[in-house]
Amino acid sequence: MSRVLLYAHDPGGALMLSAAACAALSRGHELVFHAAGPSVHLWRKAGFDVVEDVSTSLPKFDGIDIVVTGTGFSAREQTMWLRAQAAGLPSLAVVDAWTSLERRFKAKGGHVQPDAVGVLDNELANELNAMAWWCGRTYVIGQPHLQIQTAKLVDARTARKMDSGKIVFFSEPVREDYGDTRGFDQFEVFEGLMEANSQLKNSKILVKPHPREDTGAWEQVVRGRAQLSSASAADLLTACDGVIGMTTMVLIEAHLLGLPVLSLQPERTSNANPLVDIATTPVLSWSTFPDAWQTYYALLGTRQTVSPRFSSLLRDADQRLVAAIEATVEINQLKLKC
């Protein structure tokens, strides 16, 4: 069995990796957790023993057979692939969403790539394999975090006594990551949402900032018009009756639970997350928002039909990720024997 170093900076990758931890342990693998940024707190809160990746505690890779990371917009994961390569170790990176695929591997002067990448579905695999710079192995693994979380939250929501009337706006750092190139940002969308909500006099809108966002900035923006929440996404999805967002993966998570979801992408310049369009019909202009809001509001407290498009994401995703890890280790061992 293998000794596996798991590494993440961005939360999406951390959630995807830790969701497969039980499957890996059940197959006899040993897991070592290293993290940076928001993933340190996320993994420690989940009960894992985590070494924080700082300049004074770089991993030594003692006895490690493979490095498995998330992917994101920081250079941390890319740096880990290079460290693994320098140490003669194979690396596998997982892609936790459909957004900004190439950007996860871009670096100054070109691209940085691991030995293998695990993606969500065949469409994303085809997109990666079509990129001229990519020369590694591609595995279709699904989404372990969605698999594990959906099963848990379905049970939790079934145990609820009554509807809460709460709507959660899940933010994401659009302004910080993209500036004005997307056609909208989280604060513009929030202001439009507040204007529509004031007409219905519903005071139960919660705002959940993304882990990479500045909560202090959101406190200034909200100013008593909505409630800022520090609860986990899982707790909010258990308690709420509806979810609003832009292109966040939480919209997919909510859809899988049968919750009404509303995607606000006014004047969008490109489709950053096509799967959101399957979960719901996005609002693409402010002129159509009032009607969409009225329709959405009427659905609160009802269970929506889940698109069959997402079934392959959940099926044995944790096991498929572990199988990709094992295959990458095996291929590396065969290379060493040659």
C-alpha atoms as a PDB file:
ATOM      1  CA  MET A   1       0.000   0.000   0.000  1.00  0.00           C
ATOM      2  CA  SER A   2       1.076   3.581  -0.571  1.00  0.00           C
ATOM      3  CA  ARG A   3       1.943   6.539   1.626  1.00  0.00           C
ATOM      4  CA  VAL A   4       0.049   9.458   0.085  1.00  0.00           C
ATOM      5  CA  LEU A   5       0.729  13.139   0.693  1.00  0.00           C
ATOM      6  CA  LEU A   6      -2.455  15.182   0.210  1.00  0.00           C
ATOM      7  CA  TYR A   7      -1.988  18.882  -0.423  1.00  0.00           C
ATOM      8  CA  ALA A   8      -4.386  21.772  -1.009  1.00  0.00           C
ATOM      9  CA  HIS A   9      -4.563  25.537  -0.854  1.00  0.00           C
ATOM     10  CA  ASP A  10      -7.958  26.304  -2.388  1.00  0.00           C
ATOM     11  CA  PRO A  11     -10.975  24.930  -0.456  1.00  0.00           C
ATOM     12  CA  GLY A  12     -12.593  23.153  -3.421  1.00  0.00           C
ATOM     13  CA  GLY A  13      -9.619  20.873  -3.870  1.00  0.00           C
ATOM     14  CA  ALA A  14      -9.327  20.264  -0.133  1.00  0.00           C
ATOM     15  CA  LEU A  15     -12.949  19.152   0.105  1.00  0.00           C
ATOM     16  CA  MET A  16     -12.585  16.835  -2.872  1.00  0.00           C
ATOM     17  CA  LEU A  17      -9.453  15.176  -1.497  1.00  0.00           C
ATOM     18  CA  SER A  18     -10.686  14.717   2.057  1.00  0.00           C
ATOM     19  CA  ALA A  19     -13.957  13.216   0.780  1.00  0.00           C
ATOM     20  CA  ALA A  20     -11.942  10.263  -0.516  1.00  0.00           C
ATOM     21  CA  ALA A  21      -9.933   9.832   2.692  1.00  0.00           C
ATOM     22  CA  CYS A  22     -12.099   7.032   4.102  1.00  0.00           C
ATOM     23  CA  ALA A  23     -11.975   5.132   0.808  1.00  0.00           C
ATOM     24  CA  ALA A  24      -8.177   5.444   0.707  1.00  0.00           C
ATOM     25  CA  LEU A  25      -7.744   4.335   4.320  1.00  0.00           C
ATOM     26  CA  SER A  26     -10.066   1.370   3.794  1.00  0.00           C
ATOM     27  CA  ARG A  27      -7.765   0.181   1.006  1.00  0.00           C
ATOM     28  CA  GLY A  28      -4.749   0.293   3.306  1.00  0.00           C
ATOM     29  CA  HIS A  29      -3.166   3.578   2.222  1.00  0.00           C
ATOM     30  CA  GLU A  30      -1.534   5.956   4.694  1.00  0.00           C
ATOM     31  CA  LEU A  31      -2.450   9.648   4.359  1.00  0.00           C
ATOM     32  CA  VAL A  32      -0.301  12.667   5.233  1.00  0.00           C
ATOM     33  CA  PHE A  33      -1.995  16.074   5.106  1.00  0.00           C
ATOM     34  CA  HIS A  34      -0.139  19.254   4.111  1.00  0.00           C
ATOM     35  CA  ALA A  35      -2.003  22.479   3.358  1.00  0.00           C
ATOM     36  CA  ALA A  36      -1.733  26.224   2.912  1.00  0.00           C
ATOM     37  CA  GLY A  37      -4.166  29.135   3.066  1.00  0.00           C
ATOM     38  CA  PRO A  38      -7.832  28.386   3.820  1.00  0.00           C
ATOM     39  CA  SER A  39      -7.387  24.629   3.472  1.00  0.00           C
ATOM     40  CA  VAL A  40      -5.381  24.472   6.707  1.00  0.00           C
ATOM     41  CA  HIS A  41      -8.370  25.497   8.847  1.00  0.00           C
ATOM     42  CA  LEU A  42     -10.795  23.493   6.715  1.00  0.00           C
ATOM     43  CA  TRP A  43      -8.921  20.210   7.176  1.00  0.00           C
ATOM     44  CA  ARG A  44      -8.127  20.812  10.851  1.00  0.00           C
ATOM     45  CA  LYS A  45     -11.781  21.568  11.539  1.00  0.00           C
ATOM     46  CA  ALA A  46     -12.613  18.232   9.881  1.00  0.00           C
ATOM     47  CA  GLY A  47     -10.309  16.472  12.364  1.00  0.00           C
ATOM     48  CA  PHE A  48      -7.242  15.845  10.212  1.00  0.00           C
ATOM     49  CA  ASP A  49      -3.680  16.304  11.488  1.00  0.00           C
ATOM     50  CA  VAL A  50      -2.380  18.966   9.100  1.00  0.00           C
ATOM     51  CA  VAL A  51       1.110  20.339   8.547  1.00  0.00           C
ATOM     52  CA  GLU A  52       0.873  23.948   7.394  1.00  0.00           C
ATOM     53  CA  ASP A  53       2.975  24.654   4.327  1.00  0.00           C
ATOM     54  CA  VAL A  54       5.194  27.614   5.182  1.00  0.00           C
ATOM     55  CA  SER A  55       8.755  28.448   4.231  1.00  0.00           C
ATOM     56  CA  THR A  56      10.078  26.790   7.399  1.00  0.00           C
ATOM     57  CA  SER A  57       8.130  23.535   7.015  1.00  0.00           C
ATOM     58  CA  LEU A  58       8.495  22.399   3.441  1.00  0.00           C
ATOM     59  CA  PRO A  59       7.596  18.726   3.015  1.00  0.00           C
ATOM     60  CA  LYS A  60      10.532  16.341   3.078  1.00  0.00           C
ATOM     61  CA  PHE A  61       8.644  13.548   1.317  1.00  0.00           C
ATOM     62  CA  ASP A  62      10.144  10.923   3.649  1.00  0.00           C
ATOM     63  CA  GLY A  63       8.572   7.606   2.653  1.00  0.00           C
ATOM     64  CA  ILE A  64       6.003   9.296   0.398  1.00  0.00           C
ATOM     65  CA  ASP A  65       4.940   7.373  -2.728  1.00  0.00           C
ATOM     66  CA  ILE A  66       2.792  10.036  -4.412  1.00  0.00           C
ATOM     67  CA  VAL A  67       1.743  13.679  -4.018  1.00  0.00           C
ATOM     68  CA  VAL A  68      -1.968  14.361  -4.635  1.00  0.00           C
ATOM     69  CA  THR A  69      -3.198  17.948  -4.768  1.00  0.00           C
ATOM     70  CA  GLY A  70      -6.144  20.112  -5.572  1.00  0.00           C
ATOM     71  CA  THR A  71      -5.996  22.785  -8.263  1.00  0.00           C
ATOM     72  CA  GLY A  72      -6.721  26.467  -7.905  1.00  0.00           C
ATOM     73  CA  PHE A  73      -5.777  30.016  -8.766  1.00  0.00           C
ATOM     74  CA  SER A  74      -2.781  30.305  -6.440  1.00  0.00           C
ATOM     75  CA  ALA A  75       0.639  28.961  -7.388  1.00  0.00           C
ATOM     76  CA  ARG A  76       0.811  26.708  -4.317  1.00  0.00           C
ATOM     77  CA  GLU A  77      -0.397  23.513  -5.962  1.00  0.00           C
ATOM     78  CA  GLN A  78       1.834  24.098  -8.987  1.00  0.00           C
ATOM     79  CA  THR A  79       4.818  24.553  -6.693  1.00  0.00           C
ATOM     80  CA  MET A  80       4.012  21.237  -5.041  1.00  0.00           C
ATOM     81  CA  TRP A  81       4.020  19.439  -8.409  1.00  0.00           C
ATOM     82  CA  LEU A  82       7.481  20.855  -9.098  1.00  0.00           C
ATOM     83  CA  ARG A  83       8.695  19.807  -5.650  1.00  0.00           C
ATOM     84  CA  ALA A  84       7.414  16.286  -6.227  1.00  0.00           C
ATOM     85  CA  GLN A  85       9.063  16.140  -9.636  1.00  0.00           C
ATOM     86  CA  ALA A  86      12.381  17.283  -8.161  1.00  0.00           C
ATOM     87  CA  ALA A  87      12.094  14.532  -5.545  1.00  0.00           C
ATOM     88  CA  GLY A  88      11.377  11.890  -8.192  1.00  0.00           C
ATOM     89  CA  LEU A  89       7.781  11.401  -7.053  1.00  0.00           C
ATOM     90  CA  PRO A  90       4.639  11.191  -9.197  1.00  0.00           C
ATOM     91  CA  SER A  91       1.893  13.764  -8.736  1.00  0.00           C
ATOM     92  CA  LEU A  92      -1.840  13.709  -9.335  1.00  0.00           C
ATOM     93  CA  ALA A  93      -4.027  16.825  -9.265  1.00  0.00           C
ATOM     94  CA  VAL A  94      -7.816  16.905  -9.028  1.00  0.00           C
ATOM     95  CA  VAL A  95     -10.077  19.468 -10.679  1.00  0.00           C
ATOM     96  CA  ASP A  96     -13.068  20.159  -8.464  1.00  0.00           C
ATOM     97  CA  ALA A  97     -15.168  22.310 -10.831  1.00  0.00           C
ATOM     98  CA  TRP A  98     -15.814  23.037 -14.492  1.00  0.00           C
ATOM     99  CA  THR A  99     -14.572  26.625 -14.329  1.00  0.00           C
ATOM    100  CA  SER A 100     -11.258  28.044 -15.609  1.00  0.00           C
ATOM    101  CA  LEU A 101      -9.638  24.718 -16.450  1.00  0.00           C
ATOM    102  CA  GLU A 102      -6.542  26.008 -18.235  1.00  0.00           C
ATOM    103  CA  ARG A 103      -5.995  28.786 -15.706  1.00  0.00           C
ATOM    104  CA  ARG A 104      -5.341  26.175 -13.014  1.00  0.00           C
ATOM    105  CA  PHE A 105      -2.166  25.137 -14.850  1.00  0.00           C
ATOM    106  CA  LYS A 106      -0.996  28.460 -16.292  1.00  0.00           C
ATOM    107  CA  ALA A 107       2.272  29.982 -15.130  1.00  0.00           C
ATOM    108  CA  LYS A 108       4.647  32.643 -16.335  1.00  0.00           C
ATOM    109  CA  GLY A 109       6.032  31.510 -19.644  1.00  0.00           C
ATOM    110  CA  GLY A 110       3.687  28.585 -20.165  1.00  0.00           C
ATOM    111  CA  HIS A 111       2.084  25.842 -18.080  1.00  0.00           C
ATOM    112  CA  VAL A 112       2.988  23.699 -15.081  1.00  0.00           C
ATOM    113  CA  GLN A 113       1.516  20.224 -15.048  1.00  0.00           C
ATOM    114  CA  PRO A 114       1.469  17.190 -12.765  1.00  0.00           C
ATOM    115  CA  ASP A 115       1.890  13.636 -14.025  1.00  0.00           C
ATOM    116  CA  ALA A 116      -1.865  13.033 -14.007  1.00  0.00           C
ATOM    117  CA  VAL A 117      -5.114  14.926 -13.520  1.00  0.00           C
ATOM    118  CA  GLY A 118      -8.465  13.707 -12.242  1.00  0.00           C
ATOM    119  CA  VAL A 119     -11.455  15.513 -13.751  1.00  0.00           C
ATOM    120  CA  LEU A 120     -15.190  15.468 -13.139  1.00  0.00           C
ATOM    121  CA  ASP A 121     -16.594  14.033 -16.360  1.00  0.00           C
ATOM    122  CA  ASN A 122     -15.877  13.068 -19.966  1.00  0.00           C
ATOM    123  CA  GLU A 123     -16.576  16.570 -21.280  1.00  0.00           C
ATOM    124  CA  LEU A 124     -13.897  18.053 -19.039  1.00  0.00           C
ATOM    125  CA  ALA A 125     -11.522  15.221 -19.933  1.00  0.00           C
ATOM    126  CA  ASN A 126     -11.995  15.974 -23.626  1.00  0.00           C
ATOM    127  CA  GLU A 127     -11.368  19.668 -22.997  1.00  0.00           C
ATOM    128  CA  LEU A 128      -8.116  18.959 -21.154  1.00  0.00           C
ATOM    129  CA  ASN A 129      -6.901  16.371 -23.659  1.00  0.00           C
ATOM    130  CA  ALA A 130      -7.483  18.829 -26.510  1.00  0.00           C
ATOM    131  CA  MET A 131      -5.020  21.328 -25.031  1.00  0.00           C
ATOM    132  CA  ALA A 132      -1.744  21.164 -26.929  1.00  0.00           C
ATOM    133  CA  TRP A 133       0.442  21.658 -23.849  1.00  0.00           C
ATOM    134  CA  TRP A 134      -1.094  18.784 -21.849  1.00  0.00           C
ATOM    135  CA  CYS A 135       0.907  15.552 -22.043  1.00  0.00           C
ATOM    136  CA  GLY A 136      -0.053  13.769 -18.820  1.00  0.00           C
ATOM    137  CA  ARG A 137      -2.708  11.150 -18.032  1.00  0.00           C
ATOM    138  CA  THR A 138      -6.340  12.092 -17.559  1.00  0.00           C
ATOM    139  CA  TYR A 139      -8.709  10.201 -15.276  1.00  0.00           C
ATOM    140  CA  VAL A 140     -12.478  10.728 -15.048  1.00  0.00           C
ATOM    141  CA  ILE A 141     -13.179  10.424 -11.331  1.00  0.00           C
ATOM    142  CA  GLY A 142     -16.392  12.341 -10.659  1.00  0.00           C
ATOM    143  CA  GLN A 143     -16.811  14.541  -7.586  1.00  0.00           C
ATOM    144  CA  PRO A 144     -16.203  12.741  -4.264  1.00  0.00           C
ATOM    145  CA  HIS A 145     -17.170  15.771  -2.169  1.00  0.00           C
ATOM    146  CA  LEU A 146     -20.562  16.000  -3.855  1.00  0.00           C
ATOM    147  CA  GLN A 147     -21.013  12.243  -3.495  1.00  0.00           C
ATOM    148  CA  ILE A 148     -20.346  12.172   0.248  1.00  0.00           C
ATOM    149  CA  GLN A 149     -21.994  15.487   1.080  1.00  0.00           C
ATOM    150  CA  THR A 150     -25.176  14.804  -0.889  1.00  0.00           C
ATOM    151  CA  ALA A 151     -25.743  11.528   0.940  1.00  0.00           C
ATOM    152  CA  LYS A 152     -25.240  13.181   4.335  1.00  0.00           C
ATOM    153  CA  LEU A 153     -27.349  16.246   3.626  1.00  0.00           C
ATOM    154  CA  VAL A 154     -30.256  14.306   2.184  1.00  0.00           C
ATOM    155  CA  ASP A 155     -30.509  12.514   5.536  1.00  0.00           C
ATOM    156  CA  ALA A 156     -30.091  15.760   7.488  1.00  0.00           C
ATOM    157  CA  ARG A 157     -32.759  17.578   5.508  1.00  0.00           C
ATOM    158  CA  THR A 158     -35.152  14.649   5.871  1.00  0.00           C
ATOM    159  CA  ALA A 159     -34.852  15.048   9.647  1.00  0.00           C
ATOM    160  CA  ARG A 160     -35.859  18.733   9.564  1.00  0.00           C
ATOM    161  CA  LYS A 161     -39.076  19.522  11.403  1.00  0.00           C
ATOM    162  CA  MET A 162     -40.276  22.432   9.237  1.00  0.00           C
ATOM    163  CA  ASP A 163     -39.295  24.878   6.511  1.00  0.00           C
ATOM    164  CA  SER A 164     -37.110  27.764   7.665  1.00  0.00           C
ATOM    165  CA  GLY A 165     -37.888  30.391   5.039  1.00  0.00           C
ATOM    166  CA  LYS A 166     -34.167  31.124   4.809  1.00  0.00           C
ATOM    167  CA  ILE A 167     -32.483  31.960   1.505  1.00  0.00           C
ATOM    168  CA  VAL A 168     -28.679  31.832   1.316  1.00  0.00           C
ATOM    169  CA  PHE A 169     -26.624  33.869  -1.128  1.00  0.00           C
ATOM    170  CA  PHE A 170     -23.334  32.016  -1.607  1.00  0.00           C
ATOM    171  CA  SER A 171     -20.763  34.540  -2.747  1.00  0.00           C
ATOM    172  CA  GLU A 172     -17.540  33.939  -4.654  1.00  0.00           C
ATOM    173  CA  PRO A 173     -14.552  36.257  -5.294  1.00  0.00           C
ATOM    174  CA  VAL A 174     -15.493  37.298  -8.833  1.00  0.00           C
ATOM    175  CA  ARG A 175     -14.200  40.868  -8.482  1.00  0.00           C
ATOM    176  CA  GLU A 176     -10.902  39.700  -6.959  1.00  0.00           C
ATOM    177  CA  ASP A 177     -10.284  36.932  -9.500  1.00  0.00           C
ATOM    178  CA  TYR A 178     -11.649  38.467 -12.689  1.00  0.00           C
ATOM    179  CA  GLY A 179     -12.079  42.219 -12.179  1.00  0.00           C
ATOM    180  CA  ASP A 180     -14.829  43.415 -14.520  1.00  0.00           C
ATOM    181  CA  THR A 181     -14.196  40.838 -17.255  1.00  0.00           C
ATOM    182  CA  ARG A 182     -17.111  38.567 -16.295  1.00  0.00           C
ATOM    183  CA  GLY A 183     -19.735  41.332 -16.775  1.00  0.00           C
ATOM    184  CA  PHE A 184     -20.795  41.184 -13.107  1.00  0.00           C
ATOM    185  CA  ASP A 185     -19.342  40.718  -9.648  1.00  0.00           C
ATOM    186  CA  GLN A 186     -20.582  39.541  -6.270  1.00  0.00           C
ATOM    187  CA  PHE A 187     -21.331  43.013  -4.870  1.00  0.00           C
ATOM    188  CA  GLU A 188     -23.327  44.141  -7.891  1.00  0.00           C
ATOM    189  CA  VAL A 189     -25.349  40.930  -7.722  1.00  0.00           C
ATOM    190  CA  PHE A 190     -25.936  41.397  -3.993  1.00  0.00           C
ATOM    191  CA  GLU A 191     -27.241  44.933  -4.521  1.00  0.00           C
ATOM    192  CA  GLY A 192     -29.676  43.722  -7.180  1.00  0.00           C
ATOM    193  CA  LEU A 193     -30.820  40.949  -4.879  1.00  0.00           C
ATOM    194  CA  MET A 194     -31.408  43.390  -2.007  1.00  0.00           C
ATOM    195  CA  GLU A 195     -33.514  45.634  -4.228  1.00  0.00           C
ATOM    196  CA  ALA A 196     -35.733  42.733  -5.279  1.00  0.00           C
ATOM    197  CA  ASN A 197     -35.978  41.338  -1.760  1.00  0.00           C
ATOM    198  CA  SER A 198     -37.034  44.668  -0.285  1.00  0.00           C
ATOM    199  CA  GLN A 199     -40.152  44.578  -2.445  1.00  0.00           C
ATOM    200  CA  LEU A 200     -41.172  41.257  -0.884  1.00  0.00           C
ATOM    201  CA  LYS A 201     -40.099  42.343   2.614  1.00  0.00           C
ATOM    202  CA  ASN A 202     -38.341  39.048   3.279  1.00  0.00           C
ATOM    203  CA  SER A 203     -35.676  39.536   5.963  1.00  0.00           C
ATOM    204  CA  LYS A 204     -34.278  36.010   5.970  1.00  0.00           C
ATOM    205  CA  ILE A 205     -31.535  36.320   3.381  1.00  0.00           C
ATOM    206  CA  LEU A 206     -28.159  35.106   4.608  1.00  0.00           C
ATOM    207  CA  VAL A 207     -24.870  35.944   2.901  1.00  0.00           C
ATOM    208  CA  LYS A 208     -22.120  33.328   2.995  1.00  0.00           C
ATOM    209  CA  PRO A 209     -18.765  34.789   1.850  1.00  0.00           C
ATOM    210  CA  HIS A 210     -16.353  32.525   0.011  1.00  0.00           C
ATOM    211  CA  PRO A 211     -13.412  31.375   2.183  1.00  0.00           C
ATOM    212  CA  ARG A 212     -11.046  33.479   0.060  1.00  0.00           C
ATOM    213  CA  GLU A 213     -13.122  36.643   0.461  1.00  0.00           C
ATOM    214  CA  ASP A 214     -12.594  39.415   3.011  1.00  0.00           C
ATOM    215  CA  THR A 215     -15.386  39.062   5.573  1.00  0.00           C
ATOM    216  CA  GLY A 216     -14.720  42.601   6.782  1.00  0.00           C
ATOM    217  CA  ALA A 217     -15.507  43.967   3.332  1.00  0.00           C
ATOM    218  CA  TRP A 218     -18.788  42.069   3.318  1.00  0.00           C
ATOM    219  CA  GLU A 219     -19.706  43.462   6.745  1.00  0.00           C
ATOM    220  CA  GLN A 220     -19.453  46.956   5.291  1.00  0.00           C
ATOM    221  CA  VAL A 221     -21.540  46.003   2.248  1.00  0.00           C
ATOM    222  CA  VAL A 222     -24.309  44.160   4.096  1.00  0.00           C
ATOM    223  CA  ARG A 223     -24.874  46.902   6.718  1.00  0.00           C
ATOM    224  CA  GLY A 224     -27.831  45.225   8.376  1.00  0.00           C
ATOM    225  CA  ARG A 225     -29.728  44.558   5.153  1.00  0.00           C
ATOM    226  CA  ALA A 226     -29.013  40.840   5.345  1.00  0.00           C
ATOM    227  CA  GLN A 227     -27.350  38.514   7.800  1.00  0.00           C
ATOM    228  CA  LEU A 228     -23.710  37.553   7.288  1.00  0.00           C
ATOM    229  CA  SER A 229     -23.144  33.870   8.086  1.00  0.00           C
ATOM    230  CA  SER A 230     -20.017  32.067   9.253  1.00  0.00           C
ATOM    231  CA  ALA A 231     -21.757  28.667   9.278  1.00  0.00           C
ATOM    232  CA  SER A 232     -20.430  25.928   7.038  1.00  0.00           C
ATOM    233  CA  ALA A 233     -21.910  25.434   3.591  1.00  0.00           C
ATOM    234  CA  ALA A 234     -23.174  22.021   4.703  1.00  0.00           C
ATOM    235  CA  ASP A 235     -25.014  23.481   7.698  1.00  0.00           C
ATOM    236  CA  LEU A 236     -26.545  26.213   5.562  1.00  0.00           C
ATOM    237  CA  LEU A 237     -27.677  23.731   2.911  1.00  0.00           C
ATOM    238  CA  THR A 238     -29.301  21.664   5.633  1.00  0.00           C
ATOM    239  CA  ALA A 239     -31.194  24.598   7.128  1.00  0.00           C
ATOM    240  CA  CYS A 240     -32.194  26.736   4.144  1.00  0.00           C
ATOM    241  CA  ASP A 241     -35.140  26.592   1.739  1.00  0.00           C
ATOM    242  CA  GLY A 242     -33.387  28.117  -1.252  1.00  0.00           C
ATOM    243  CA  VAL A 243     -29.941  29.001  -2.611  1.00  0.00           C
ATOM    244  CA  ILE A 244     -28.779  31.924  -4.746  1.00  0.00           C
ATOM    245  CA  GLY A 245     -25.368  32.368  -6.327  1.00  0.00           C
ATOM    246  CA  MET A 246     -23.532  33.190  -9.522  1.00  0.00           C
ATOM    247  CA  THR A 247     -21.395  30.302 -10.814  1.00  0.00           C
ATOM    248  CA  THR A 248     -20.389  28.650  -7.533  1.00  0.00           C
ATOM    249  CA  MET A 249     -20.366  24.876  -7.232  1.00  0.00           C
ATOM    250  CA  VAL A 250     -22.692  25.252  -4.245  1.00  0.00           C
ATOM    251  CA  LEU A 251     -25.490  25.817  -6.764  1.00  0.00           C
ATOM    252  CA  ILE A 252     -24.863  22.289  -8.030  1.00  0.00           C
ATOM    253  CA  GLU A 253     -24.718  20.969  -4.464  1.00  0.00           C
ATOM    254  CA  ALA A 254     -28.074  22.601  -3.702  1.00  0.00           C
ATOM    255  CA  HIS A 255     -29.602  21.278  -6.933  1.00  0.00           C
ATOM    256  CA  LEU A 256     -28.564  17.736  -6.008  1.00  0.00           C
ATOM    257  CA  LEU A 257     -30.583  18.170  -2.803  1.00  0.00           C
ATOM    258  CA  GLY A 258     -33.661  19.258  -4.745  1.00  0.00           C
ATOM    259  CA  LEU A 259     -33.460  22.835  -3.440  1.00  0.00           C
ATOM    260  CA  PRO A 260     -34.672  25.749  -5.593  1.00  0.00           C
ATOM    261  CA  VAL A 261     -31.583  27.494  -6.982  1.00  0.00           C
ATOM    262  CA  LEU A 262     -31.193  30.850  -8.687  1.00  0.00           C
ATOM    263  CA  SER A 263     -28.093  31.862 -10.638  1.00  0.00           C
ATOM    264  CA  LEU A 264     -27.535  35.585 -11.188  1.00  0.00           C
ATOM    265  CA  GLN A 265     -25.087  36.322 -14.005  1.00  0.00           C
ATOM    266  CA  PRO A 266     -26.296  39.651 -15.438  1.00  0.00           C
ATOM    267  CA  GLU A 267     -24.522  40.702 -18.652  1.00  0.00           C
ATOM    268  CA  ARG A 268     -22.142  37.745 -18.453  1.00  0.00           C
ATOM    269  CA  THR A 269     -19.416  37.770 -21.084  1.00  0.00           C
ATOM    270  CA  SER A 270     -18.824  34.005 -21.108  1.00  0.00           C
ATOM    271  CA  ASN A 271     -20.262  30.848 -19.584  1.00  0.00           C
ATOM    272  CA  ALA A 272     -17.812  30.141 -16.766  1.00  0.00           C
ATOM    273  CA  ASN A 273     -19.640  27.097 -15.380  1.00  0.00           C
ATOM    274  CA  PRO A 274     -21.902  25.427 -17.997  1.00  0.00           C
ATOM    275  CA  LEU A 275     -23.231  22.918 -15.467  1.00  0.00           C
ATOM    276  CA  VAL A 276     -25.057  25.716 -13.656  1.00  0.00           C
ATOM    277  CA  ASP A 277     -27.179  26.118 -16.805  1.00  0.00           C
ATOM    278  CA  ILE A 278     -28.304  22.514 -16.364  1.00  0.00           C
ATOM    279  CA  ALA A 279     -29.231  22.986 -12.708  1.00  0.00           C
ATOM    280  CA  THR A 280     -31.194  26.182 -13.377  1.00  0.00           C
ATOM    281  CA  THR A 281     -31.868  28.871 -15.987  1.00  0.00           C
ATOM    282  CA  PRO A 282     -29.489  31.739 -15.162  1.00  0.00           C
ATOM    283  CA  VAL A 283     -30.635  35.344 -15.043  1.00  0.00           C
ATOM    284  CA  LEU A 284     -28.532  36.987 -17.758  1.00  0.00           C
ATOM    285  CA  SER A 285     -29.929  40.520 -17.607  1.00  0.00           C
ATOM    286  CA  TRP A 286     -31.385  42.690 -14.863  1.00  0.00           C
ATOM    287  CA  SER A 287     -34.480  43.300 -16.985  1.00  0.00           C
ATOM    288  CA  THR A 288     -35.513  39.645 -16.596  1.00  0.00           C
ATOM    289  CA  PHE A 289     -34.683  39.446 -12.907  1.00  0.00           C
ATOM    290  CA  PRO A 290     -38.017  40.632 -11.416  1.00  0.00           C
ATOM    291  CA  ASP A 291     -39.992  37.854 -13.120  1.00  0.00           C
ATOM    292  CA  ALA A 292     -37.310  35.263 -12.329  1.00  0.00           C
ATOM    293  CA  TRP A 293     -37.299  36.371  -8.687  1.00  0.00           C
ATOM    294  CA  GLN A 294     -41.070  36.035  -8.358  1.00  0.00           C
ATOM    295  CA  THR A 295     -40.955  32.553  -9.908  1.00  0.00           C
ATOM    296  CA  TYR A 296     -38.075  31.495  -7.678  1.00  0.00           C
ATOM    297  CA  TYR A 297     -39.682  32.873  -4.540  1.00  0.00           C
ATOM    298  CA  ALA A 298     -42.807  30.822  -5.192  1.00  0.00           C
ATOM    299  CA  LEU A 299     -40.710  27.635  -5.279  1.00  0.00           C
ATOM    300  CA  LEU A 300     -39.235  28.042  -1.798  1.00  0.00           C
ATOM    301  CA  GLY A 301     -40.030  25.065   0.397  1.00  0.00           C
ATOM    302  CA  THR A 302     -40.684  22.739  -2.550  1.00  0.00           C
ATOM    303  CA  ARG A 303     -38.490  19.884  -3.808  1.00  0.00           C
ATOM    304  CA  GLN A 304     -37.191  20.275  -7.337  1.00  0.00           C
ATOM    305  CA  THR A 305     -36.394  17.540  -9.844  1.00  0.00           C
ATOM    306  CA  VAL A 306     -32.676  16.740 -10.053  1.00  0.00           C
ATOM    307  CA  SER A 307     -31.191  16.551 -13.547  1.00  0.00           C
ATOM    308  CA  PRO A 308     -29.952  13.040 -14.496  1.00  0.00           C
ATOM    309  CA  ARG A 309     -26.899  14.769 -15.994  1.00  0.00           C
ATOM    310  CA  PHE A 310     -25.283  14.741 -12.547  1.00  0.00           C
ATOM    311  CA  SER A 311     -25.692  11.064 -11.656  1.00  0.00           C
ATOM    312  CA  SER A 312     -22.274  10.088 -13.043  1.00  0.00           C
ATOM    313  CA  LEU A 313     -20.606  12.686 -10.825  1.00  0.00           C
ATOM    314  CA  LEU A 314     -21.652  10.866  -7.678  1.00  0.00           C
ATOM    315  CA  ARG A 315     -21.289   7.206  -8.610  1.00  0.00           C
ATOM    316  CA  ASP A 316     -18.337   5.732  -6.630  1.00  0.00           C
ATOM    317  CA  ALA A 317     -16.398   8.980  -7.059  1.00  0.00           C
ATOM    318  CA  ASP A 318     -14.331   8.410  -3.911  1.00  0.00           C
ATOM    319  CA  GLN A 319     -13.327   4.946  -5.122  1.00  0.00           C
ATOM    320  CA  ARG A 320     -12.489   6.271  -8.590  1.00  0.00           C
ATOM    321  CA  LEU A 321     -10.186   8.913  -7.109  1.00  0.00           C
ATOM    322  CA  VAL A 322      -8.359   6.271  -5.052  1.00  0.00           C
ATOM    323  CA  ALA A 323      -8.068   4.072  -8.158  1.00  0.00           C
ATOM    324  CA  ALA A 324      -6.468   7.004 -10.034  1.00  0.00           C
ATOM    325  CA  ILE A 325      -3.964   7.431  -7.192  1.00  0.00           C
ATOM    326  CA  GLU A 326      -3.102   3.725  -7.286  1.00  0.00           C
ATOM    327  CA  ALA A 327      -2.725   3.742 -11.084  1.00  0.00           C
ATOM    328  CA  THR A 328      -0.383   6.749 -10.956  1.00  0.00           C
ATOM    329  CA  VAL A 329       1.801   5.063  -8.325  1.00  0.00           C
ATOM    330  CA  GLU A 330       1.878   1.823 -10.318  1.00  0.00           C
ATOM    331  CA  ILE A 331       2.883   3.579 -13.551  1.00  0.00           C
ATOM    332  CA  ASN A 332       5.680   5.386 -11.729  1.00  0.00           C
ATOM    333  CA  GLN A 333       6.961   2.141 -10.222  1.00  0.00           C
ATOM    334  CA  LEU A 334       7.030   0.530 -13.665  1.00  0.00           C
ATOM    335  CA  LYS A 335       9.070   3.478 -14.967  1.00  0.00           C
ATOM    336  CA  LEU A 336      11.579   3.063 -12.143  1.00  0.00           C
ATOM    337  CA  LYS A 337      12.076  -0.601 -13.059  1.00  0.00           C
ATOM    338  CA  CYS A 338      12.901   0.195 -16.683  1.00  0.00           C
END
